[in-house]
Amino acid sequence: MTDVTVSCAPVASPPASETLPARPRLARLFRLQFESVQNAWVLLYPEGMVQLNPSAAEILRRCDGQRSIDAIVEELQALFQVEGIGPQVEALLQEGVRRGWID
């Protein structure tokens, strides 16, 4: 999971509308699925799709409204045998909130 590269500009505190939910889930209009033709996970929505890198896909696959952010981080750290990926996971989720992918 070392290929997580999300760059976000530092922000003192996000606007209330962009606060991370305690248990993130994909927004209603979005669907995550594997596209064998592209050999990649994609996020589908009415106007198009977003092709995800493997790390982003692993994070978003766990956004089911049941897991907390800490649980997602712990699960990924155990799965990939890495430590300290919380900031990268939160940055991707924050970007997902900003883009409307995450409720």
N, C-alpha and C. Protein backbone atom coordinates (compact mmCIF):
# COMPACT_ATOMS: atom_id res chain seq x y z
N MET A 1 0.82 -1.18 0.00
CA MET A 1 0.00 0.00 0.00
C MET A 1 0.87 1.24 0.00
N THR A 2 2.10 1.12 -0.31
CA THR A 2 2.99 2.27 -0.29
C THR A 2 2.77 3.21 -1.45
N ASP A 3 1.90 2.87 -2.40
CA ASP A 3 1.69 3.75 -3.55
C ASP A 3 0.58 4.76 -3.33
N VAL A 4 0.14 4.95 -2.08
CA VAL A 4 -0.88 5.96 -1.80
C VAL A 4 -0.23 7.33 -1.95
N THR A 5 -0.67 8.08 -2.93
CA THR A 5 -0.15 9.42 -3.13
C THR A 5 -1.32 10.36 -3.34
N VAL A 6 -1.72 10.99 -2.28
CA VAL A 6 -2.81 11.96 -2.35
C VAL A 6 -2.23 13.27 -1.88
N SER A 7 -2.35 14.29 -2.69
CA SER A 7 -1.85 15.59 -2.28
C SER A 7 -3.02 16.51 -2.02
N CYS A 8 -3.04 17.06 -0.85
CA CYS A 8 -4.10 18.00 -0.47
C CYS A 8 -3.43 19.23 0.13
N ALA A 9 -3.94 20.37 -0.23
CA ALA A 9 -3.40 21.60 0.34
C ALA A 9 -3.73 21.65 1.82
N PRO A 10 -2.80 22.10 2.66
CA PRO A 10 -3.09 22.17 4.08
C PRO A 10 -4.22 23.17 4.36
N VAL A 11 -5.11 22.78 5.22
CA VAL A 11 -6.26 23.60 5.58
C VAL A 11 -6.36 23.61 7.09
N ALA A 12 -6.58 24.78 7.68
CA ALA A 12 -6.67 24.89 9.13
C ALA A 12 -7.79 24.01 9.66
N SER A 13 -8.98 24.14 9.11
CA SER A 13 -10.09 23.26 9.46
C SER A 13 -11.05 23.27 8.28
N PRO A 14 -11.52 22.08 7.89
CA PRO A 14 -12.39 22.02 6.73
C PRO A 14 -13.74 22.66 7.00
N PRO A 15 -14.39 23.19 5.96
CA PRO A 15 -15.74 23.71 6.15
C PRO A 15 -16.65 22.61 6.70
N ALA A 16 -17.70 23.00 7.39
CA ALA A 16 -18.59 22.01 8.00
C ALA A 16 -19.11 21.01 6.98
N SER A 17 -19.37 21.46 5.75
CA SER A 17 -19.92 20.57 4.73
C SER A 17 -18.90 19.53 4.27
N GLU A 18 -17.60 19.74 4.58
CA GLU A 18 -16.57 18.81 4.16
C GLU A 18 -15.97 18.04 5.32
N THR A 19 -16.60 18.07 6.47
CA THR A 19 -16.13 17.32 7.61
C THR A 19 -16.30 15.83 7.32
N LEU A 20 -15.30 15.06 7.67
CA LEU A 20 -15.37 13.62 7.43
C LEU A 20 -16.45 12.99 8.30
N PRO A 21 -17.27 12.14 7.72
CA PRO A 21 -18.26 11.42 8.52
C PRO A 21 -17.57 10.38 9.39
N ALA A 22 -18.18 10.06 10.52
CA ALA A 22 -17.60 9.07 11.42
C ALA A 22 -17.51 7.69 10.76
N ARG A 23 -18.52 7.37 9.96
CA ARG A 23 -18.56 6.08 9.25
C ARG A 23 -18.84 6.37 7.77
N PRO A 24 -17.77 6.63 7.01
CA PRO A 24 -17.96 7.04 5.62
C PRO A 24 -18.62 5.96 4.76
N ARG A 25 -19.39 6.42 3.80
CA ARG A 25 -20.01 5.52 2.82
C ARG A 25 -20.07 6.25 1.48
N LEU A 26 -20.15 5.48 0.42
CA LEU A 26 -20.27 6.09 -0.90
C LEU A 26 -21.61 6.80 -1.00
N ALA A 27 -21.60 7.95 -1.64
CA ALA A 27 -22.83 8.69 -1.87
C ALA A 27 -23.77 7.87 -2.75
N ARG A 28 -25.04 8.11 -2.63
CA ARG A 28 -26.07 7.32 -3.30
C ARG A 28 -25.90 7.21 -4.81
N LEU A 29 -25.44 8.25 -5.46
CA LEU A 29 -25.33 8.24 -6.92
C LEU A 29 -24.06 7.56 -7.44
N PHE A 30 -23.21 7.09 -6.54
CA PHE A 30 -21.94 6.49 -6.95
C PHE A 30 -21.95 4.98 -6.72
N ARG A 31 -21.30 4.28 -7.64
CA ARG A 31 -21.17 2.82 -7.51
C ARG A 31 -19.73 2.44 -7.82
N LEU A 32 -19.17 1.63 -6.96
CA LEU A 32 -17.80 1.16 -7.12
C LEU A 32 -17.84 -0.22 -7.76
N GLN A 33 -17.09 -0.42 -8.84
CA GLN A 33 -17.05 -1.74 -9.45
C GLN A 33 -15.72 -1.94 -10.16
N PHE A 34 -15.37 -3.23 -10.33
CA PHE A 34 -14.14 -3.57 -11.04
C PHE A 34 -14.45 -3.70 -12.52
N GLU A 35 -13.68 -3.01 -13.34
CA GLU A 35 -13.82 -3.06 -14.79
C GLU A 35 -12.69 -3.92 -15.34
N SER A 36 -13.01 -5.13 -15.78
CA SER A 36 -11.98 -6.05 -16.25
C SER A 36 -11.30 -5.53 -17.52
N VAL A 37 -12.03 -4.81 -18.37
CA VAL A 37 -11.44 -4.27 -19.60
C VAL A 37 -10.30 -3.31 -19.26
N GLN A 38 -10.47 -2.52 -18.20
CA GLN A 38 -9.44 -1.57 -17.79
C GLN A 38 -8.52 -2.15 -16.71
N ASN A 39 -8.87 -3.33 -16.23
CA ASN A 39 -8.13 -3.97 -15.14
C ASN A 39 -7.96 -3.01 -13.95
N ALA A 40 -9.07 -2.36 -13.60
CA ALA A 40 -9.02 -1.37 -12.53
C ALA A 40 -10.40 -1.21 -11.91
N TRP A 41 -10.40 -0.75 -10.66
CA TRP A 41 -11.64 -0.36 -10.00
C TRP A 41 -12.02 1.03 -10.49
N VAL A 42 -13.31 1.24 -10.68
CA VAL A 42 -13.81 2.54 -11.10
C VAL A 42 -14.97 2.95 -10.22
N LEU A 43 -15.16 4.23 -10.12
CA LEU A 43 -16.28 4.81 -9.40
C LEU A 43 -17.21 5.37 -10.46
N LEU A 44 -18.38 4.74 -10.60
CA LEU A 44 -19.35 5.14 -11.61
C LEU A 44 -20.35 6.12 -11.02
N TYR A 45 -20.76 7.09 -11.83
CA TYR A 45 -21.80 8.03 -11.45
C TYR A 45 -22.54 8.44 -12.72
N PRO A 46 -23.71 9.07 -12.62
CA PRO A 46 -24.53 9.33 -13.81
C PRO A 46 -23.80 10.06 -14.94
N GLU A 47 -22.88 10.95 -14.64
CA GLU A 47 -22.21 11.72 -15.68
C GLU A 47 -20.93 11.09 -16.18
N GLY A 48 -20.50 9.97 -15.63
CA GLY A 48 -19.24 9.37 -16.07
C GLY A 48 -18.66 8.40 -15.07
N MET A 49 -17.32 8.37 -15.04
CA MET A 49 -16.64 7.47 -14.12
C MET A 49 -15.26 8.02 -13.78
N VAL A 50 -14.73 7.53 -12.67
CA VAL A 50 -13.40 7.87 -12.22
C VAL A 50 -12.64 6.56 -12.09
N GLN A 51 -11.49 6.45 -12.78
CA GLN A 51 -10.66 5.27 -12.62
C GLN A 51 -9.79 5.48 -11.39
N LEU A 52 -9.78 4.49 -10.50
CA LEU A 52 -9.07 4.61 -9.23
C LEU A 52 -7.75 3.86 -9.26
N ASN A 53 -6.76 4.40 -8.56
CA ASN A 53 -5.54 3.62 -8.38
C ASN A 53 -5.83 2.54 -7.34
N PRO A 54 -5.00 1.52 -7.23
CA PRO A 54 -5.30 0.41 -6.31
C PRO A 54 -5.50 0.83 -4.86
N SER A 55 -4.73 1.80 -4.39
CA SER A 55 -4.86 2.24 -3.00
C SER A 55 -6.20 2.93 -2.75
N ALA A 56 -6.58 3.82 -3.65
CA ALA A 56 -7.86 4.51 -3.51
C ALA A 56 -9.01 3.51 -3.55
N ALA A 57 -8.91 2.52 -4.42
CA ALA A 57 -9.96 1.50 -4.50
C ALA A 57 -10.07 0.73 -3.19
N GLU A 58 -8.95 0.35 -2.60
CA GLU A 58 -8.99 -0.39 -1.34
C GLU A 58 -9.64 0.44 -0.23
N ILE A 59 -9.36 1.73 -0.22
CA ILE A 59 -9.97 2.60 0.79
C ILE A 59 -11.48 2.71 0.54
N LEU A 60 -11.88 3.04 -0.69
CA LEU A 60 -13.29 3.24 -0.99
C LEU A 60 -14.11 1.96 -0.88
N ARG A 61 -13.49 0.82 -1.12
CA ARG A 61 -14.21 -0.46 -0.97
C ARG A 61 -14.67 -0.67 0.46
N ARG A 62 -14.03 -0.02 1.40
CA ARG A 62 -14.37 -0.17 2.81
C ARG A 62 -15.33 0.91 3.31
N CYS A 63 -15.70 1.82 2.46
CA CYS A 63 -16.62 2.89 2.84
C CYS A 63 -18.05 2.40 2.67
N ASP A 64 -18.51 1.65 3.66
CA ASP A 64 -19.82 1.01 3.60
C ASP A 64 -20.81 1.57 4.61
N GLY A 65 -20.40 2.61 5.34
CA GLY A 65 -21.27 3.18 6.36
C GLY A 65 -21.26 2.39 7.66
N GLN A 66 -20.53 1.29 7.69
CA GLN A 66 -20.44 0.46 8.90
C GLN A 66 -19.11 0.65 9.62
N ARG A 67 -18.05 0.83 8.85
CA ARG A 67 -16.71 0.95 9.43
C ARG A 67 -16.39 2.40 9.76
N SER A 68 -15.72 2.60 10.89
CA SER A 68 -15.21 3.93 11.23
C SER A 68 -13.92 4.16 10.44
N ILE A 69 -13.48 5.40 10.40
CA ILE A 69 -12.23 5.71 9.72
C ILE A 69 -11.08 4.96 10.38
N ASP A 70 -11.07 4.92 11.70
CA ASP A 70 -10.01 4.18 12.41
C ASP A 70 -10.03 2.70 12.04
N ALA A 71 -11.22 2.12 11.91
CA ALA A 71 -11.32 0.71 11.54
C ALA A 71 -10.81 0.48 10.12
N ILE A 72 -11.11 1.40 9.22
CA ILE A 72 -10.62 1.30 7.84
C ILE A 72 -9.10 1.34 7.84
N VAL A 73 -8.52 2.28 8.57
CA VAL A 73 -7.07 2.42 8.64
C VAL A 73 -6.45 1.15 9.23
N GLU A 74 -7.00 0.66 10.34
CA GLU A 74 -6.46 -0.54 10.98
C GLU A 74 -6.53 -1.75 10.04
N GLU A 75 -7.64 -1.89 9.34
CA GLU A 75 -7.80 -3.01 8.41
C GLU A 75 -6.77 -2.94 7.28
N LEU A 76 -6.57 -1.77 6.72
CA LEU A 76 -5.60 -1.61 5.64
C LEU A 76 -4.17 -1.80 6.12
N GLN A 77 -3.86 -1.30 7.30
CA GLN A 77 -2.51 -1.48 7.85
C GLN A 77 -2.22 -2.96 8.07
N ALA A 78 -3.21 -3.70 8.57
CA ALA A 78 -3.02 -5.14 8.77
C ALA A 78 -2.91 -5.87 7.44
N LEU A 79 -3.76 -5.52 6.49
CA LEU A 79 -3.77 -6.18 5.20
C LEU A 79 -2.45 -6.00 4.46
N PHE A 80 -1.92 -4.77 4.48
CA PHE A 80 -0.71 -4.47 3.72
C PHE A 80 0.56 -4.43 4.58
N GLN A 81 0.41 -4.74 5.86
CA GLN A 81 1.54 -4.80 6.80
C GLN A 81 2.37 -3.52 6.76
N VAL A 82 1.67 -2.39 6.91
CA VAL A 82 2.31 -1.08 6.98
C VAL A 82 1.74 -0.34 8.19
N GLU A 83 2.42 0.68 8.60
CA GLU A 83 1.96 1.53 9.70
C GLU A 83 1.93 2.98 9.24
N GLY A 84 1.12 3.77 9.90
CA GLY A 84 1.14 5.22 9.69
C GLY A 84 0.46 5.71 8.43
N ILE A 85 -0.52 4.97 7.92
CA ILE A 85 -1.19 5.42 6.68
C ILE A 85 -2.46 6.22 6.96
N GLY A 86 -2.76 6.45 8.23
CA GLY A 86 -3.96 7.21 8.58
C GLY A 86 -4.09 8.54 7.87
N PRO A 87 -3.02 9.36 7.82
CA PRO A 87 -3.13 10.65 7.14
C PRO A 87 -3.47 10.52 5.65
N GLN A 88 -2.90 9.52 4.98
CA GLN A 88 -3.20 9.32 3.56
C GLN A 88 -4.64 8.87 3.37
N VAL A 89 -5.12 8.00 4.22
CA VAL A 89 -6.51 7.53 4.13
C VAL A 89 -7.45 8.71 4.36
N GLU A 90 -7.18 9.49 5.39
CA GLU A 90 -8.04 10.65 5.67
C GLU A 90 -8.00 11.67 4.54
N ALA A 91 -6.83 11.86 3.93
CA ALA A 91 -6.72 12.81 2.81
C ALA A 91 -7.57 12.35 1.63
N LEU A 92 -7.53 11.05 1.33
CA LEU A 92 -8.35 10.55 0.23
C LEU A 92 -9.84 10.70 0.56
N LEU A 93 -10.22 10.37 1.79
CA LEU A 93 -11.63 10.51 2.19
C LEU A 93 -12.06 11.98 2.15
N GLN A 94 -11.18 12.87 2.57
CA GLN A 94 -11.50 14.30 2.52
C GLN A 94 -11.72 14.74 1.07
N GLU A 95 -10.88 14.26 0.17
CA GLU A 95 -11.05 14.58 -1.25
C GLU A 95 -12.37 13.98 -1.76
N GLY A 96 -12.70 12.79 -1.30
CA GLY A 96 -13.97 12.16 -1.68
C GLY A 96 -15.17 12.96 -1.20
N VAL A 97 -15.08 13.50 0.01
CA VAL A 97 -16.16 14.36 0.52
C VAL A 97 -16.26 15.62 -0.34
N ARG A 98 -15.11 16.21 -0.64
CA ARG A 98 -15.09 17.43 -1.45
C ARG A 98 -15.72 17.21 -2.82
N ARG A 99 -15.46 16.05 -3.40
CA ARG A 99 -15.99 15.75 -4.73
C ARG A 99 -17.40 15.15 -4.72
N GLY A 100 -17.93 14.92 -3.51
CA GLY A 100 -19.28 14.39 -3.41
C GLY A 100 -19.38 12.87 -3.49
N TRP A 101 -18.24 12.17 -3.44
CA TRP A 101 -18.24 10.70 -3.51
C TRP A 101 -18.67 10.08 -2.19
N ILE A 102 -18.38 10.77 -1.09
CA ILE A 102 -18.54 10.22 0.26
C ILE A 102 -19.62 10.97 1.02
N ASP A 103 -20.48 10.21 1.66
CA ASP A 103 -21.48 10.77 2.60
C ASP A 103 -21.03 10.51 4.01
